[in-house]
Amino acid sequence: MLVQSILKSKAAAGVVTIRSDAKVSEAASLLAEKKIGSLVVSDSGDTADGIFSERDIVRELGRVGGGCLDKTVAQYMTKDIITCTGQCSVEEVLTRMTEGRFRHMPVVEDGKLVGIVTIGDVVKAQLTELAMEKDALQGMIMGH
């Protein structure tokens, strides 16, 4: 299965982004409002300049306290992000996420942000694929 199939099956279209000059408190509010775990940082709205997650907030709260909420997203975001394209396989994305120990991957085509996949999306896609293979094998065994 390819990433483009995951994007087509996702309930919500688009990607929630935030500017790098936004306050961490704004990012926290947006994460809570949208009930998501990360935001793609994009000053233009259509590129992936970085990623900012719940983990970034918790890590800084633990390190420096509540003062981090008045700082900018740019100060704590991950700048060197790993992205994929719609043509990447689910297995490839899962391997990158596992090795890199992250849960959200922006999908970029020709430099433009087109979506985001999460570890949950990837696992769900793999489980769906396995269920279809199981059903096909059972059908072959039963002579259907």
Protein backbone atom coordinates (compact mmCIF):
# COMPACT_ATOMS: atom_id res chain seq x y z
CA MET A 1 0.00 0.00 0.00
CA LEU A 2 1.16 3.52 -0.79
CA VAL A 3 0.94 6.71 1.27
CA GLN A 4 -1.42 8.24 -1.31
CA SER A 5 -3.97 5.55 -0.42
CA ILE A 6 -3.75 6.51 3.25
CA LEU A 7 -4.29 10.19 2.42
CA LYS A 8 -7.38 9.35 0.34
CA SER A 9 -8.89 7.34 3.20
CA LYS A 10 -8.29 9.92 5.95
CA ALA A 11 -11.44 11.57 7.26
CA ALA A 12 -10.02 15.09 7.47
CA ALA A 13 -8.43 16.59 4.38
CA GLY A 14 -5.55 19.01 4.64
CA VAL A 15 -2.87 19.64 7.20
CA VAL A 16 -3.03 21.83 10.27
CA THR A 17 -0.10 24.24 10.12
CA ILE A 18 1.32 26.97 12.30
CA ARG A 19 3.77 29.79 11.60
CA SER A 20 7.22 29.61 13.16
CA ASP A 21 6.72 32.97 14.87
CA ALA A 22 3.57 31.78 16.70
CA LYS A 23 3.77 31.42 20.48
CA VAL A 24 4.06 27.94 22.00
CA SER A 25 0.84 28.69 23.92
CA GLU A 26 -0.96 29.23 20.57
CA ALA A 27 0.38 25.91 19.32
CA ALA A 28 -0.78 24.15 22.49
CA SER A 29 -4.27 25.61 22.08
CA LEU A 30 -4.42 24.56 18.43
CA LEU A 31 -3.27 21.02 19.26
CA ALA A 32 -5.95 20.76 21.93
CA GLU A 33 -8.68 22.29 19.75
CA LYS A 34 -7.96 19.97 16.81
CA LYS A 35 -7.24 16.95 19.05
CA ILE A 36 -4.00 16.20 17.21
CA GLY A 37 -0.45 15.45 18.28
CA SER A 38 1.59 17.66 15.98
CA LEU A 39 1.55 20.70 13.74
CA VAL A 40 3.50 21.21 10.57
CA VAL A 41 5.39 24.47 10.84
CA SER A 42 4.90 26.46 7.65
CA ASP A 43 5.41 30.17 7.20
CA SER A 44 3.97 30.05 3.67
CA GLY A 45 1.14 27.62 4.44
CA ASP A 46 2.16 25.19 1.72
CA THR A 47 5.66 24.02 2.66
CA ALA A 48 6.97 21.92 5.53
CA ASP A 49 9.55 24.06 7.34
CA GLY A 50 9.48 22.00 10.53
CA ILE A 51 7.27 20.04 12.86
CA PHE A 52 6.10 20.88 16.37
CA SER A 53 4.55 18.27 18.65
CA GLU A 54 3.08 17.71 22.07
CA ARG A 55 6.39 16.13 23.02
CA ASP A 56 8.21 19.37 22.24
CA ILE A 57 5.94 21.25 24.64
CA VAL A 58 6.19 18.66 27.43
CA ARG A 59 9.96 18.42 27.07
CA GLU A 60 10.39 22.19 27.44
CA LEU A 61 7.85 22.48 30.25
CA GLY A 62 9.88 19.91 32.14
CA ARG A 63 13.17 21.58 31.32
CA VAL A 64 12.41 25.31 31.76
CA GLY A 65 8.87 25.51 33.12
CA GLY A 66 5.87 27.52 31.98
CA GLY A 67 8.00 30.34 30.59
CA CYS A 68 8.40 28.34 27.38
CA LEU A 69 4.76 29.05 26.53
CA ASP A 70 5.68 32.65 25.70
CA LYS A 71 8.51 31.61 23.36
CA THR A 72 8.07 31.00 19.64
CA VAL A 73 7.45 27.67 17.97
CA ALA A 74 10.69 28.23 16.00
CA GLN A 75 12.70 27.91 19.22
CA TYR A 76 11.52 24.36 19.91
CA MET A 77 10.38 22.88 16.61
CA THR A 78 12.19 20.07 14.83
CA LYS A 79 13.80 21.72 11.81
CA ASP A 80 15.38 18.71 10.11
CA ILE A 81 12.21 16.81 9.34
CA ILE A 82 11.88 13.60 7.44
CA THR A 83 9.17 13.66 4.80
CA CYS A 84 7.73 11.21 2.31
CA THR A 85 5.82 11.36 -0.96
CA GLY A 86 2.53 9.78 -1.92
CA GLN A 87 4.49 7.10 -3.78
CA CYS A 88 6.29 5.86 -0.65
CA SER A 89 5.21 2.48 0.64
CA VAL A 90 3.62 2.03 4.05
CA GLU A 91 6.51 -0.28 4.99
CA GLU A 92 9.07 2.39 4.12
CA VAL A 93 7.26 5.05 6.17
CA LEU A 94 6.87 2.71 9.15
CA THR A 95 10.59 1.88 9.03
CA ARG A 96 11.56 5.57 8.93
CA MET A 97 9.22 6.41 11.82
CA THR A 98 10.43 3.50 13.93
CA GLU A 99 14.12 4.18 13.32
CA GLY A 100 13.70 7.94 13.85
CA ARG A 101 11.42 7.49 16.87
CA PHE A 102 8.75 9.92 15.65
CA ARG A 103 5.02 9.57 15.02
CA HIS A 104 4.12 12.15 12.36
CA MET A 105 5.47 12.50 8.82
CA PRO A 106 4.59 15.29 6.39
CA VAL A 107 3.82 14.21 2.82
CA VAL A 108 5.46 16.51 0.28
CA GLU A 109 5.12 16.51 -3.52
CA ASP A 110 7.32 18.81 -5.61
CA GLY A 111 8.20 20.86 -2.52
CA LYS A 112 4.54 21.39 -1.58
CA LEU A 113 2.89 20.04 1.57
CA VAL A 114 0.03 17.74 0.55
CA GLY A 115 -0.74 15.82 3.75
CA ILE A 116 0.52 14.18 6.89
CA VAL A 117 0.54 10.56 8.00
CA THR A 118 0.72 9.35 11.57
CA ILE A 119 1.95 6.11 13.04
CA GLY A 120 -1.72 5.28 13.68
CA ASP A 121 -2.56 5.82 9.99
CA VAL A 122 0.28 3.53 8.95
CA VAL A 123 -0.59 0.77 11.42
CA LYS A 124 -4.27 0.93 10.41
CA ALA A 125 -3.28 0.63 6.73
CA GLN A 126 -1.10 -2.38 7.45
CA LEU A 127 -3.82 -4.08 9.48
CA THR A 128 -6.34 -3.48 6.67
CA GLU A 129 -3.92 -4.92 4.13
CA LEU A 130 -3.26 -7.98 6.31
CA ALA A 131 -6.99 -8.57 6.78
CA MET A 132 -7.55 -8.44 3.01
CA GLU A 133 -4.68 -10.88 2.42
CA LYS A 134 -6.08 -13.21 5.09
CA ASP A 135 -9.53 -13.12 3.52
CA ALA A 136 -8.07 -13.81 0.06
CA LEU A 137 -6.03 -16.75 1.34
CA GLN A 138 -9.03 -18.18 3.20
CA GLY A 139 -11.10 -17.83 0.04
CA MET A 140 -8.47 -19.71 -1.96
CA ILE A 141 -8.26 -22.48 0.64
CA MET A 142 -12.05 -22.83 0.81
CA GLY A 143 -12.28 -22.84 -3.00
CA HIS A 144 -14.15 -19.50 -3.34
